[in-house]
Amino acid sequence: MNRMEEIAKIFGLELGEEFNIVGNVNYEEYNPHKFTSRGIEDYEGCVNFIDLVEIATGVCGIEKINK
């Protein structure tokens, strides 16, 4: 069972809602990101599962994009 929608909601986001990863310049160059059913996708649609781990453990943060 896919739980990405629930995980996105934990961070105050919806699937497909864009956000920036902050606190690590290695991720910031790939902003914006979004939660999808596949995981966290960067602006090119690439998924890197370490993004989720580092956000969940506080290594990086999320900054909502107000549109």
PDB file of N, CA and C in Angstrom:
ATOM      1  N   MET A   1       0.842  -1.182   0.000  1.00  0.00           N
ATOM      2  CA  MET A   1       0.000   0.000   0.000  1.00  0.00           C
ATOM      3  C   MET A   1       0.892   1.254   0.000  1.00  0.00           C
ATOM      4  N   ASN A   2       0.606   2.183  -0.872  1.00  0.00           N
ATOM      5  CA  ASN A   2       1.377   3.415  -1.001  1.00  0.00           C
ATOM      6  C   ASN A   2       0.944   4.428   0.058  1.00  0.00           C
ATOM      7  N   ARG A   3       1.885   4.947   0.820  1.00  0.00           N
ATOM      8  CA  ARG A   3       1.598   5.880   1.923  1.00  0.00           C
ATOM      9  C   ARG A   3       2.086   7.310   1.656  1.00  0.00           C
ATOM     10  N   MET A   4       2.485   7.601   0.428  1.00  0.00           N
ATOM     11  CA  MET A   4       3.075   8.918   0.150  1.00  0.00           C
ATOM     12  C   MET A   4       2.105  10.071   0.414  1.00  0.00           C
ATOM     13  N   GLU A   5       0.820   9.887   0.164  1.00  0.00           N
ATOM     14  CA  GLU A   5      -0.141  10.957   0.459  1.00  0.00           C
ATOM     15  C   GLU A   5      -0.167  11.260   1.954  1.00  0.00           C
ATOM     16  N   GLU A   6      -0.147  10.233   2.778  1.00  0.00           N
ATOM     17  CA  GLU A   6      -0.127  10.413   4.230  1.00  0.00           C
ATOM     18  C   GLU A   6       1.174  11.083   4.682  1.00  0.00           C
ATOM     19  N   ILE A   7       2.288  10.681   4.091  1.00  0.00           N
ATOM     20  CA  ILE A   7       3.581  11.273   4.454  1.00  0.00           C
ATOM     21  C   ILE A   7       3.608  12.746   4.078  1.00  0.00           C
ATOM     22  N   ALA A   8       3.102  13.088   2.895  1.00  0.00           N
ATOM     23  CA  ALA A   8       3.036  14.497   2.486  1.00  0.00           C
ATOM     24  C   ALA A   8       2.235  15.311   3.493  1.00  0.00           C
ATOM     25  N   LYS A   9       1.118  14.773   3.951  1.00  0.00           N
ATOM     26  CA  LYS A   9       0.269  15.485   4.915  1.00  0.00           C
ATOM     27  C   LYS A   9       0.983  15.702   6.251  1.00  0.00           C
ATOM     28  N   ILE A  10       1.839  14.776   6.647  1.00  0.00           N
ATOM     29  CA  ILE A  10       2.616  14.949   7.883  1.00  0.00           C
ATOM     30  C   ILE A  10       3.433  16.240   7.807  1.00  0.00           C
ATOM     31  N   PHE A  11       3.928  16.548   6.605  1.00  0.00           N
ATOM     32  CA  PHE A  11       4.726  17.759   6.401  1.00  0.00           C
ATOM     33  C   PHE A  11       3.889  18.953   5.975  1.00  0.00           C
ATOM     34  N   GLY A  12       2.559  18.819   6.048  1.00  0.00           N
ATOM     35  CA  GLY A  12       1.662  19.930   5.726  1.00  0.00           C
ATOM     36  C   GLY A  12       1.507  20.188   4.241  1.00  0.00           C
ATOM     37  N   LEU A  13       1.724  19.161   3.417  1.00  0.00           N
ATOM     38  CA  LEU A  13       1.649  19.298   1.964  1.00  0.00           C
ATOM     39  C   LEU A  13       0.680  18.287   1.372  1.00  0.00           C
ATOM     40  N   GLU A  14       0.284  18.548   0.138  1.00  0.00           N
ATOM     41  CA  GLU A  14      -0.533  17.618  -0.629  1.00  0.00           C
ATOM     42  C   GLU A  14       0.342  17.010  -1.727  1.00  0.00           C
ATOM     43  N   LEU A  15      -0.053  15.868  -2.260  1.00  0.00           N
ATOM     44  CA  LEU A  15       0.654  15.309  -3.401  1.00  0.00           C
ATOM     45  C   LEU A  15       0.630  16.325  -4.537  1.00  0.00           C
ATOM     46  N   GLY A  16       1.765  16.537  -5.169  1.00  0.00           N
ATOM     47  CA  GLY A  16       1.866  17.466  -6.288  1.00  0.00           C
ATOM     48  C   GLY A  16       2.136  18.902  -5.910  1.00  0.00           C
ATOM     49  N   GLU A  17       2.022  19.243  -4.631  1.00  0.00           N
ATOM     50  CA  GLU A  17       2.284  20.616  -4.179  1.00  0.00           C
ATOM     51  C   GLU A  17       3.796  20.846  -4.113  1.00  0.00           C
ATOM     52  N   GLU A  18       4.255  21.906  -4.784  1.00  0.00           N
ATOM     53  CA  GLU A  18       5.690  22.169  -4.844  1.00  0.00           C
ATOM     54  C   GLU A  18       6.213  22.809  -3.555  1.00  0.00           C
ATOM     55  N   PHE A  19       7.453  22.453  -3.219  1.00  0.00           N
ATOM     56  CA  PHE A  19       8.139  23.011  -2.055  1.00  0.00           C
ATOM     57  C   PHE A  19       9.632  23.024  -2.345  1.00  0.00           C
ATOM     58  N   ASN A  20      10.355  23.791  -1.567  1.00  0.00           N
ATOM     59  CA  ASN A  20      11.814  23.808  -1.664  1.00  0.00           C
ATOM     60  C   ASN A  20      12.406  23.027  -0.498  1.00  0.00           C
ATOM     61  N   ILE A  21      13.471  22.306  -0.776  1.00  0.00           N
ATOM     62  CA  ILE A  21      14.255  21.686   0.286  1.00  0.00           C
ATOM     63  C   ILE A  21      15.328  22.693   0.667  1.00  0.00           C
ATOM     64  N   VAL A  22      15.407  23.025   1.948  1.00  0.00           N
ATOM     65  CA  VAL A  22      16.365  24.011   2.436  1.00  0.00           C
ATOM     66  C   VAL A  22      17.291  23.385   3.462  1.00  0.00           C
ATOM     67  N   GLY A  23      18.464  23.993   3.598  1.00  0.00           N
ATOM     68  CA  GLY A  23      19.402  23.535   4.609  1.00  0.00           C
ATOM     69  C   GLY A  23      20.525  22.668   4.069  1.00  0.00           C
ATOM     70  N   ASN A  24      20.511  22.397   2.765  1.00  0.00           N
ATOM     71  CA  ASN A  24      21.569  21.602   2.151  1.00  0.00           C
ATOM     72  C   ASN A  24      21.701  22.043   0.700  1.00  0.00           C
ATOM     73  N   VAL A  25      22.803  22.675   0.370  1.00  0.00           N
ATOM     74  CA  VAL A  25      22.967  23.219  -0.986  1.00  0.00           C
ATOM     75  C   VAL A  25      22.922  22.125  -2.053  1.00  0.00           C
ATOM     76  N   ASN A  26      23.225  20.896  -1.704  1.00  0.00           N
ATOM     77  CA  ASN A  26      23.150  19.810  -2.677  1.00  0.00           C
ATOM     78  C   ASN A  26      21.725  19.568  -3.166  1.00  0.00           C
ATOM     79  N   TYR A  27      20.736  19.844  -2.324  1.00  0.00           N
ATOM     80  CA  TYR A  27      19.339  19.682  -2.731  1.00  0.00           C
ATOM     81  C   TYR A  27      18.784  20.962  -3.323  1.00  0.00           C
ATOM     82  N   GLU A  28      19.230  22.108  -2.810  1.00  0.00           N
ATOM     83  CA  GLU A  28      18.655  23.380  -3.207  1.00  0.00           C
ATOM     84  C   GLU A  28      18.782  23.639  -4.703  1.00  0.00           C
ATOM     85  N   GLU A  29      19.837  23.126  -5.339  1.00  0.00           N
ATOM     86  CA  GLU A  29      19.992  23.340  -6.775  1.00  0.00           C
ATOM     87  C   GLU A  29      18.959  22.556  -7.583  1.00  0.00           C
ATOM     88  N   TYR A  30      18.254  21.618  -6.966  1.00  0.00           N
ATOM     89  CA  TYR A  30      17.235  20.823  -7.654  1.00  0.00           C
ATOM     90  C   TYR A  30      15.810  21.251  -7.298  1.00  0.00           C
ATOM     91  N   ASN A  31      15.654  22.375  -6.596  1.00  0.00           N
ATOM     92  CA  ASN A  31      14.330  22.895  -6.253  1.00  0.00           C
ATOM     93  C   ASN A  31      13.626  23.379  -7.505  1.00  0.00           C
ATOM     94  N   PRO A  32      12.292  23.364  -7.519  1.00  0.00           N
ATOM     95  CA  PRO A  32      11.401  22.876  -6.472  1.00  0.00           C
ATOM     96  C   PRO A  32      11.233  21.353  -6.520  1.00  0.00           C
ATOM     97  N   HIS A  33      10.714  20.829  -5.422  1.00  0.00           N
ATOM     98  CA  HIS A  33      10.412  19.416  -5.277  1.00  0.00           C
ATOM     99  C   HIS A  33       8.914  19.257  -5.049  1.00  0.00           C
ATOM    100  N   LYS A  34       8.437  18.025  -5.114  1.00  0.00           N
ATOM    101  CA  LYS A  34       7.043  17.736  -4.777  1.00  0.00           C
ATOM    102  C   LYS A  34       6.914  16.267  -4.380  1.00  0.00           C
ATOM    103  N   PHE A  35       5.960  16.005  -3.488  1.00  0.00           N
ATOM    104  CA  PHE A  35       5.628  14.628  -3.137  1.00  0.00           C
ATOM    105  C   PHE A  35       4.744  14.056  -4.236  1.00  0.00           C
ATOM    106  N   THR A  36       5.050  12.858  -4.673  1.00  0.00           N
ATOM    107  CA  THR A  36       4.208  12.123  -5.616  1.00  0.00           C
ATOM    108  C   THR A  36       4.050  10.703  -5.085  1.00  0.00           C
ATOM    109  N   SER A  37       3.280   9.911  -5.767  1.00  0.00           N
ATOM    110  CA  SER A  37       3.114   8.524  -5.331  1.00  0.00           C
ATOM    111  C   SER A  37       4.429   7.741  -5.432  1.00  0.00           C
ATOM    112  N   ARG A  38       5.388   8.262  -6.195  1.00  0.00           N
ATOM    113  CA  ARG A  38       6.703   7.613  -6.334  1.00  0.00           C
ATOM    114  C   ARG A  38       7.683   8.008  -5.240  1.00  0.00           C
ATOM    115  N   GLY A  39       7.452   9.120  -4.554  1.00  0.00           N
ATOM    116  CA  GLY A  39       8.374   9.642  -3.541  1.00  0.00           C
ATOM    117  C   GLY A  39       8.476  11.147  -3.669  1.00  0.00           C
ATOM    118  N   ILE A  40       9.649  11.697  -3.384  1.00  0.00           N
ATOM    119  CA  ILE A  40       9.885  13.131  -3.565  1.00  0.00           C
ATOM    120  C   ILE A  40      10.586  13.316  -4.899  1.00  0.00           C
ATOM    121  N   GLU A  41       9.940  14.049  -5.805  1.00  0.00           N
ATOM    122  CA  GLU A  41      10.516  14.307  -7.118  1.00  0.00           C
ATOM    123  C   GLU A  41      11.113  15.704  -7.158  1.00  0.00           C
ATOM    124  N   ASP A  42      12.243  15.845  -7.849  1.00  0.00           N
ATOM    125  CA  ASP A  42      12.826  17.172  -8.046  1.00  0.00           C
ATOM    126  C   ASP A  42      12.219  17.806  -9.293  1.00  0.00           C
ATOM    127  N   TYR A  43      12.724  18.961  -9.687  1.00  0.00           N
ATOM    128  CA  TYR A  43      12.148  19.704 -10.810  1.00  0.00           C
ATOM    129  C   TYR A  43      12.241  18.948 -12.137  1.00  0.00           C
ATOM    130  N   GLU A  44      13.120  17.949 -12.223  1.00  0.00           N
ATOM    131  CA  GLU A  44      13.251  17.142 -13.429  1.00  0.00           C
ATOM    132  C   GLU A  44      12.419  15.861 -13.373  1.00  0.00           C
ATOM    133  N   GLY A  45      11.785  15.605 -12.241  1.00  0.00           N
ATOM    134  CA  GLY A  45      10.998  14.389 -12.075  1.00  0.00           C
ATOM    135  C   GLY A  45      11.790  13.212 -11.554  1.00  0.00           C
ATOM    136  N   CYS A  46      13.039  13.456 -11.140  1.00  0.00           N
ATOM    137  CA  CYS A  46      13.880  12.393 -10.582  1.00  0.00           C
ATOM    138  C   CYS A  46      13.531  12.164  -9.115  1.00  0.00           C
ATOM    139  N   VAL A  47      13.531  10.919  -8.701  1.00  0.00           N
ATOM    140  CA  VAL A  47      13.229  10.544  -7.316  1.00  0.00           C
ATOM    141  C   VAL A  47      14.513  10.089  -6.635  1.00  0.00           C
ATOM    142  N   ASN A  48      14.785  10.651  -5.447  1.00  0.00           N
ATOM    143  CA  ASN A  48      15.931  10.248  -4.643  1.00  0.00           C
ATOM    144  C   ASN A  48      15.403  10.016  -3.229  1.00  0.00           C
ATOM    145  N   PHE A  49      15.381   8.780  -2.797  1.00  0.00           N
ATOM    146  CA  PHE A  49      14.743   8.450  -1.525  1.00  0.00           C
ATOM    147  C   PHE A  49      15.473   8.999  -0.311  1.00  0.00           C
ATOM    148  N   ILE A  50      16.740   9.333  -0.454  1.00  0.00           N
ATOM    149  CA  ILE A  50      17.463   9.911   0.682  1.00  0.00           C
ATOM    150  C   ILE A  50      16.881  11.276   1.052  1.00  0.00           C
ATOM    151  N   ASP A  51      16.249  11.978   0.085  1.00  0.00           N
ATOM    152  CA  ASP A  51      15.590  13.254   0.382  1.00  0.00           C
ATOM    153  C   ASP A  51      14.594  13.084   1.523  1.00  0.00           C
ATOM    154  N   LEU A  52      13.762  12.082   1.426  1.00  0.00           N
ATOM    155  CA  LEU A  52      12.736  11.840   2.441  1.00  0.00           C
ATOM    156  C   LEU A  52      13.365  11.524   3.790  1.00  0.00           C
ATOM    157  N   VAL A  53      14.397  10.715   3.795  1.00  0.00           N
ATOM    158  CA  VAL A  53      15.073  10.355   5.042  1.00  0.00           C
ATOM    159  C   VAL A  53      15.683  11.598   5.695  1.00  0.00           C
ATOM    160  N   GLU A  54      16.343  12.422   4.908  1.00  0.00           N
ATOM    161  CA  GLU A  54      17.003  13.599   5.480  1.00  0.00           C
ATOM    162  C   GLU A  54      15.995  14.649   5.943  1.00  0.00           C
ATOM    163  N   ILE A  55      14.862  14.754   5.289  1.00  0.00           N
ATOM    164  CA  ILE A  55      13.813  15.665   5.762  1.00  0.00           C
ATOM    165  C   ILE A  55      13.217  15.130   7.068  1.00  0.00           C
ATOM    166  N   ALA A  56      12.936  13.835   7.094  1.00  0.00           N
ATOM    167  CA  ALA A  56      12.319  13.235   8.281  1.00  0.00           C
ATOM    168  C   ALA A  56      13.231  13.292   9.497  1.00  0.00           C
ATOM    169  N   THR A  57      14.545  13.245   9.292  1.00  0.00           N
ATOM    170  CA  THR A  57      15.474  13.255  10.421  1.00  0.00           C
ATOM    171  C   THR A  57      15.989  14.653  10.762  1.00  0.00           C
ATOM    172  N   GLY A  58      15.536  15.665  10.021  1.00  0.00           N
ATOM    173  CA  GLY A  58      15.899  17.043  10.337  1.00  0.00           C
ATOM    174  C   GLY A  58      17.197  17.533   9.725  1.00  0.00           C
ATOM    175  N   VAL A  59      17.823  16.744   8.869  1.00  0.00           N
ATOM    176  CA  VAL A  59      19.040  17.185   8.204  1.00  0.00           C
ATOM    177  C   VAL A  59      18.720  18.350   7.271  1.00  0.00           C
ATOM    178  N   CYS A  60      17.566  18.276   6.610  1.00  0.00           N
ATOM    179  CA  CYS A  60      17.082  19.332   5.710  1.00  0.00           C
ATOM    180  C   CYS A  60      15.681  19.719   6.149  1.00  0.00           C
ATOM    181  N   GLY A  61      15.208  20.828   5.628  1.00  0.00           N
ATOM    182  CA  GLY A  61      13.861  21.282   5.926  1.00  0.00           C
ATOM    183  C   GLY A  61      13.062  21.511   4.658  1.00  0.00           C
ATOM    184  N   ILE A  62      11.771  21.810   4.865  1.00  0.00           N
ATOM    185  CA  ILE A  62      10.858  22.090   3.764  1.00  0.00           C
ATOM    186  C   ILE A  62      10.392  23.533   3.871  1.00  0.00           C
ATOM    187  N   GLU A  63      10.362  24.204   2.748  1.00  0.00           N
ATOM    188  CA  GLU A  63       9.847  25.569   2.665  1.00  0.00           C
ATOM    189  C   GLU A  63       8.751  25.561   1.612  1.00  0.00           C
ATOM    190  N   LYS A  64       7.513  25.824   2.049  1.00  0.00           N
ATOM    191  CA  LYS A  64       6.396  25.849   1.106  1.00  0.00           C
ATOM    192  C   LYS A  64       6.567  26.995   0.115  1.00  0.00           C
ATOM    193  N   ILE A  65       6.112  26.755  -1.095  1.00  0.00           N
ATOM    194  CA  ILE A  65       6.124  27.781  -2.129  1.00  0.00           C
ATOM    195  C   ILE A  65       4.723  28.363  -2.199  1.00  0.00           C
ATOM    196  N   ASN A  66       4.599  29.649  -1.944  1.00  0.00           N
ATOM    197  CA  ASN A  66       3.291  30.307  -2.026  1.00  0.00           C
ATOM    198  C   ASN A  66       3.053  30.779  -3.441  1.00  0.00           C
ATOM    199  N   LYS A  67       2.011  30.266  -4.041  1.00  0.00           N
ATOM    200  CA  LYS A  67       1.684  30.667  -5.414  1.00  0.00           C
ATOM    201  C   LYS A  67       0.395  31.433  -5.439  1.00  0.00           C
TER     202      LYS A  67
END
